[in-house]
Amino acid sequence: MAISVAWRSTIAAVLAAGAVIGSSPSAQAGLFKQAPKPAATVNDDGLAAVQRALAEDRLTDAAKMLDQAFLAGATDPRLTLLAGQLNLARGRNEDALANYKRAEADPGSNAQALEGQGVALSLLGRSDEAFSMLQKAVAANPAAWRAWNALGGEYDARKQWSQADAAYERAISGSQGAAIVLNNRGFSRLLQRRLDEAVKDFVDALAKKPDLAAARTNLRIAMAMRGEYDKAVAGATADSEAGALNNAGFAAMLQGDYAAAEELFQRAMNAKGEFYGRASVNLQLAHELRLKASEAKPTPR
């Protein structure tokens, strides 16, 4: 039976389609593949805008700009470094560590990536790894003040005070006296009972950045450790008064002034206006320490 012209046309079309489907993969790709989009680039102005946002603590703005760049396909390792800095500022230290590890392979970003990894590891409490990484960072870039600052903290943890002093000095020099470095050196001096020097560092830090809460808290503790209890709690707001009194009491307790500590803890509990568990525990501890100190005193003959 003869095949109609219409059916012959249909069969020919199917055979033709089969010839394309059965052709080599490279031939198919040549027919159907779209040209790849070029990777998005970022200019220096865009990087500077993100850096400004981070410096001004405008973290939401920085995150938005970075998200837009990455969604557009940008692969500049400098953006990855900034993403790490953003994650550190947000307390997302594991994410920051991952960012810096990705940036490490690029020669132009390697030194900053080592610094970022060291800081992130230190914040994560992975002290031995942090110590090694921070030493690599300052060897790669002796001007890496954030690495020197973190290294100072690692030396503090090891009670290697002279090395800590030297590290903070490098950090202060490299950062033109950044408030956070002054605060950290002040805390190191507080640990060493170098109270006058600690107070000066905290005051200098607050002069640079008046809203640095850590420096204000540390200054109150240092004053209390010098026995200046009224100064230590002066100017505290209603919301922070209980905490300031509790911290002053703890400082008094560290100095062995147990009677003053008990009084300050009691005032902290009163200022709280409700149960203040931390001050209550501290009050009990100060009372027990005062009794032990009294029992340890030699009996006069």
Protein backbone atom coordinates (compact mmCIF):
# COMPACT_ATOMS: atom_id res chain seq x y z
CA MET A 1 0.00 0.00 0.00
CA ALA A 2 1.43 3.33 -1.01
CA ILE A 3 2.29 5.87 1.66
CA SER A 4 0.44 9.12 1.26
CA VAL A 5 2.32 12.32 0.69
CA ALA A 6 1.11 13.64 4.04
CA TRP A 7 2.48 10.66 6.00
CA ARG A 8 5.77 10.74 4.11
CA SER A 9 6.22 14.36 5.21
CA THR A 10 5.56 13.43 8.85
CA ILE A 11 8.05 10.53 8.77
CA ALA A 12 10.67 12.76 7.18
CA ALA A 13 10.24 15.31 9.93
CA VAL A 14 10.63 12.64 12.63
CA LEU A 15 13.73 11.23 10.96
CA ALA A 16 15.21 14.68 10.72
CA ALA A 17 14.58 15.28 14.39
CA GLY A 18 16.16 11.92 15.18
CA ALA A 19 19.26 12.91 13.28
CA VAL A 20 19.70 16.01 15.53
CA ILE A 21 19.02 14.11 18.79
CA GLY A 22 21.46 11.41 17.80
CA SER A 23 24.23 13.81 16.85
CA SER A 24 27.33 14.34 18.96
CA PRO A 25 27.05 16.25 22.30
CA SER A 26 29.27 19.00 20.92
CA ALA A 27 26.96 19.49 17.99
CA GLN A 28 23.94 19.69 20.33
CA ALA A 29 25.74 22.18 22.52
CA GLY A 30 26.53 24.32 19.54
CA LEU A 31 22.83 24.47 18.69
CA PHE A 32 21.31 25.01 22.13
CA LYS A 33 23.97 26.39 24.51
CA GLN A 34 23.74 30.04 25.52
CA ALA A 35 26.92 32.06 25.82
CA PRO A 36 28.00 32.25 29.50
CA LYS A 37 27.47 35.56 31.25
CA PRO A 38 30.70 37.34 32.11
CA ALA A 39 31.44 37.44 35.85
CA ALA A 40 30.22 40.62 37.49
CA THR A 41 32.96 42.98 38.59
CA VAL A 42 33.08 45.41 41.45
CA ASN A 43 34.85 48.75 41.32
CA ASP A 44 36.84 50.50 44.02
CA ASP A 45 33.96 52.86 44.78
CA GLY A 46 31.69 49.90 45.52
CA LEU A 47 34.26 48.36 47.84
CA ALA A 48 34.76 51.69 49.60
CA ALA A 49 31.01 52.02 50.15
CA VAL A 50 30.88 48.64 51.91
CA GLN A 51 33.95 49.51 53.99
CA ARG A 52 32.36 52.81 55.08
CA ALA A 53 29.18 51.04 56.11
CA LEU A 54 31.17 48.55 58.21
CA ALA A 55 33.27 51.32 59.80
CA GLU A 56 30.08 53.19 60.74
CA ASP A 57 28.38 50.03 62.12
CA ARG A 58 25.74 50.19 59.38
CA LEU A 59 25.71 46.43 59.16
CA THR A 60 22.36 46.14 57.37
CA ASP A 61 23.57 48.47 54.61
CA ALA A 62 26.83 46.56 54.27
CA ALA A 63 24.98 43.25 54.07
CA LYS A 64 22.61 44.57 51.40
CA MET A 65 25.46 45.80 49.20
CA LEU A 66 27.36 42.53 49.57
CA ASP A 67 24.27 40.46 48.80
CA GLN A 68 23.64 42.46 45.63
CA ALA A 69 27.22 41.96 44.49
CA PHE A 70 27.22 38.22 45.12
CA LEU A 71 23.79 37.74 43.49
CA ALA A 72 25.13 39.51 40.41
CA GLY A 73 27.90 36.89 40.26
CA ALA A 74 30.80 38.93 41.59
CA THR A 75 33.73 36.77 42.67
CA ASP A 76 36.23 39.42 43.76
CA PRO A 77 38.06 37.99 46.84
CA ARG A 78 38.01 41.45 48.39
CA LEU A 79 34.25 41.08 48.73
CA THR A 80 34.78 37.76 50.52
CA LEU A 81 37.10 39.51 52.97
CA LEU A 82 34.43 42.15 53.62
CA ALA A 83 31.84 39.40 54.12
CA GLY A 84 34.13 37.94 56.76
CA GLN A 85 34.42 41.32 58.45
CA LEU A 86 30.64 41.67 58.44
CA ASN A 87 30.17 38.23 59.98
CA LEU A 88 32.68 39.05 62.72
CA ALA A 89 30.78 42.25 63.50
CA ARG A 90 27.57 40.21 63.75
CA GLY A 91 29.16 37.60 65.99
CA ARG A 92 28.88 34.91 63.31
CA ASN A 93 32.41 33.72 63.84
CA GLU A 94 32.11 30.32 62.14
CA ASP A 95 30.76 31.99 59.00
CA ALA A 96 33.55 34.56 59.15
CA LEU A 97 36.15 31.80 59.41
CA ALA A 98 34.69 30.16 56.28
CA ASN A 99 34.81 33.48 54.40
CA TYR A 100 38.46 34.03 55.26
CA LYS A 101 39.42 30.48 54.34
CA ARG A 102 37.91 31.01 50.88
CA ALA A 103 39.83 34.25 50.42
CA GLU A 104 43.16 32.73 51.48
CA ALA A 105 43.90 31.19 48.08
CA ASP A 106 44.11 34.58 46.36
CA PRO A 107 47.65 36.03 46.65
CA GLY A 108 46.34 39.57 46.98
CA SER A 109 44.03 38.62 49.85
CA ASN A 110 46.18 36.05 51.61
CA ALA A 111 47.60 38.24 54.38
CA GLN A 112 44.21 39.71 55.30
CA ALA A 113 42.65 36.26 55.15
CA LEU A 114 45.21 34.90 57.62
CA GLU A 115 44.49 37.84 59.94
CA GLY A 116 40.75 37.29 59.72
CA GLN A 117 41.09 33.57 60.39
CA GLY A 118 43.24 34.25 63.45
CA VAL A 119 40.73 36.73 64.88
CA ALA A 120 37.79 34.39 64.21
CA LEU A 121 39.59 31.42 65.80
CA SER A 122 40.40 33.52 68.86
CA LEU A 123 36.77 34.58 69.23
CA LEU A 124 35.71 30.94 68.86
CA GLY A 125 37.96 30.00 71.78
CA ARG A 126 40.23 27.84 69.63
CA SER A 127 43.26 29.37 71.29
CA ASP A 128 46.11 27.18 70.05
CA GLU A 129 44.96 27.41 66.43
CA ALA A 130 44.39 31.16 66.82
CA PHE A 131 47.85 31.71 68.30
CA SER A 132 49.54 29.94 65.39
CA MET A 133 47.42 31.66 62.75
CA LEU A 134 47.90 35.13 64.24
CA GLN A 135 51.67 34.65 64.27
CA LYS A 136 51.49 33.74 60.58
CA ALA A 137 49.38 36.83 59.95
CA VAL A 138 51.81 39.29 61.53
CA ALA A 139 54.72 37.59 59.79
CA ALA A 140 52.93 38.06 56.45
CA ASN A 141 51.96 41.65 57.27
CA PRO A 142 53.66 43.31 60.26
CA ALA A 143 51.14 46.19 60.00
CA ALA A 144 48.14 43.89 60.62
CA TRP A 145 46.93 45.66 63.77
CA ARG A 146 43.82 43.52 64.24
CA ALA A 147 46.06 40.46 64.35
CA TRP A 148 48.36 42.15 66.89
CA ASN A 149 45.33 43.11 68.97
CA ALA A 150 44.02 39.54 69.01
CA LEU A 151 47.53 38.23 69.66
CA GLY A 152 47.67 40.48 72.74
CA GLY A 153 44.57 38.73 74.04
CA GLU A 154 46.14 35.34 73.44
CA TYR A 155 49.26 36.39 75.36
CA ASP A 156 46.98 37.65 78.17
CA ALA A 157 45.36 34.22 78.36
CA ARG A 158 48.82 32.71 78.79
CA LYS A 159 49.85 35.40 81.34
CA GLN A 160 52.76 36.34 79.11
CA TRP A 161 52.51 39.97 80.07
CA SER A 162 55.57 41.43 78.37
CA GLN A 163 54.60 39.83 75.05
CA ALA A 164 51.05 41.11 75.51
CA ASP A 165 52.32 44.64 76.12
CA ALA A 166 54.44 44.50 72.97
CA ALA A 167 51.54 43.15 70.88
CA TYR A 168 49.15 45.87 72.05
CA GLU A 169 51.80 48.52 71.38
CA ARG A 170 52.04 47.31 67.77
CA ALA A 171 48.25 47.29 67.50
CA ILE A 172 47.94 50.84 68.89
CA SER A 173 50.65 52.12 66.56
CA GLY A 174 49.13 50.42 63.52
CA SER A 175 45.57 51.56 64.24
CA GLN A 176 46.39 55.12 65.30
CA GLY A 177 45.09 54.32 68.76
CA ALA A 178 41.83 52.56 67.95
CA ALA A 179 39.39 52.59 70.89
CA ILE A 180 39.00 48.81 70.93
CA VAL A 181 42.77 48.30 71.21
CA LEU A 182 43.06 50.84 74.05
CA ASN A 183 40.24 49.03 75.84
CA ASN A 184 41.90 45.65 75.39
CA ARG A 185 45.26 46.89 76.59
CA GLY A 186 43.50 48.47 79.57
CA PHE A 187 41.91 45.12 80.39
CA SER A 188 45.32 43.46 80.14
CA ARG A 189 46.67 46.00 82.63
CA LEU A 190 43.64 45.40 84.83
CA LEU A 191 44.52 41.71 84.93
CA GLN A 192 48.05 42.68 85.96
CA ARG A 193 46.70 45.00 88.71
CA ARG A 194 48.29 47.99 86.97
CA LEU A 195 45.19 49.95 87.87
CA ASP A 196 46.28 53.52 87.17
CA GLU A 197 47.48 52.59 83.68
CA ALA A 198 44.30 50.60 83.08
CA VAL A 199 42.10 53.56 84.05
CA LYS A 200 44.00 55.81 81.64
CA ASP A 201 43.55 53.36 78.77
CA PHE A 202 39.81 53.08 79.40
CA VAL A 203 39.43 56.87 79.60
CA ASP A 204 41.39 57.25 76.34
CA ALA A 205 39.25 54.58 74.68
CA LEU A 206 36.06 56.40 75.68
CA ALA A 207 37.47 59.69 74.43
CA LYS A 208 37.86 58.01 71.02
CA LYS A 209 34.52 56.20 71.13
CA PRO A 210 32.13 57.39 73.87
CA ASP A 211 29.60 54.63 73.16
CA LEU A 212 32.10 51.78 73.69
CA ALA A 213 30.19 49.95 76.42
CA ALA A 214 33.00 47.52 77.24
CA ALA A 215 35.40 50.36 78.04
CA ARG A 216 32.85 52.07 80.28
CA THR A 217 32.18 48.85 82.20
CA ASN A 218 35.90 48.15 82.53
CA LEU A 219 36.56 51.69 83.73
CA ARG A 220 34.01 51.25 86.52
CA ILE A 221 35.64 47.97 87.54
CA ALA A 222 39.11 49.54 87.56
CA MET A 223 37.89 52.43 89.72
CA ALA A 224 36.25 50.01 92.13
CA MET A 225 39.47 48.01 92.35
CA ARG A 226 41.19 51.25 93.39
CA GLY A 227 38.60 51.58 96.15
CA GLU A 228 36.77 54.43 94.42
CA TYR A 229 33.36 52.84 94.81
CA ASP A 230 31.31 56.02 94.50
CA LYS A 231 33.10 56.98 91.28
CA ALA A 232 32.66 53.46 89.99
CA VAL A 233 28.87 53.71 90.09
CA ALA A 234 28.44 57.44 89.47
CA GLY A 235 26.45 58.37 86.38
CA ALA A 236 24.93 54.92 85.89
CA THR A 237 21.46 55.06 84.38
CA ALA A 238 18.47 53.50 86.10
CA ASP A 239 18.73 50.52 83.75
CA SER A 240 22.43 49.98 84.37
CA GLU A 241 22.74 50.94 88.05
CA ALA A 242 22.23 47.43 89.41
CA GLY A 243 24.85 46.01 87.05
CA ALA A 244 27.32 48.77 87.90
CA LEU A 245 26.89 48.13 91.63
CA ASN A 246 27.31 44.39 91.13
CA ASN A 247 30.50 44.91 89.11
CA ALA A 248 31.85 47.29 91.74
CA GLY A 249 31.11 44.73 94.41
CA PHE A 250 32.94 42.06 92.46
CA ALA A 251 35.95 44.34 92.08
CA ALA A 252 35.91 45.04 95.83
CA MET A 253 35.77 41.31 96.49
CA LEU A 254 38.78 40.72 94.22
CA GLN A 255 40.70 43.26 96.28
CA GLY A 256 39.75 41.54 99.54
CA ASP A 257 37.46 44.38 100.68
CA TYR A 258 34.67 41.99 101.62
CA ALA A 259 32.65 44.37 103.78
CA ALA A 260 32.42 46.89 100.95
CA ALA A 261 31.61 44.09 98.53
CA GLU A 262 28.69 42.91 100.65
CA GLU A 263 27.33 46.44 100.87
CA LEU A 264 27.60 46.95 97.10
CA PHE A 265 25.94 43.63 96.29
CA GLN A 266 23.09 44.46 98.65
CA ARG A 267 22.67 47.85 96.96
CA ALA A 268 22.67 46.10 93.58
CA MET A 269 19.84 43.83 94.67
CA ASN A 270 17.88 46.82 95.98
CA ALA A 271 18.43 48.77 92.77
CA LYS A 272 17.24 45.86 90.66
CA GLY A 273 13.81 46.01 92.24
CA GLU A 274 13.38 42.27 91.72
CA PHE A 275 15.38 39.13 92.40
CA TYR A 276 18.94 39.58 91.15
CA GLY A 277 20.44 36.10 91.09
CA ARG A 278 23.99 37.09 90.20
CA ALA A 279 24.27 39.70 92.95
CA SER A 280 22.66 37.29 95.41
CA VAL A 281 25.26 34.61 94.68
CA ASN A 282 28.05 37.17 94.88
CA LEU A 283 26.74 38.47 98.20
CA GLN A 284 26.83 34.97 99.67
CA LEU A 285 30.36 34.43 98.35
CA ALA A 286 31.59 37.74 99.78
CA HIS A 287 30.06 36.87 103.15
CA GLU A 288 31.78 33.47 103.21
CA LEU A 289 35.13 34.98 102.20
CA ARG A 290 34.86 37.62 104.92
CA LEU A 291 34.22 34.90 107.53
CA LYS A 292 37.18 32.85 106.33
CA ALA A 293 39.43 35.89 106.36
CA SER A 294 38.32 36.67 109.90
CA GLU A 295 38.99 33.10 111.06
CA ALA A 296 42.45 33.13 109.45
CA LYS A 297 43.59 36.16 111.43
CA PRO A 298 45.92 35.26 114.31
CA THR A 299 44.39 35.58 117.77
CA PRO A 300 46.10 38.34 119.79
CA ARG A 301 47.85 37.07 122.93
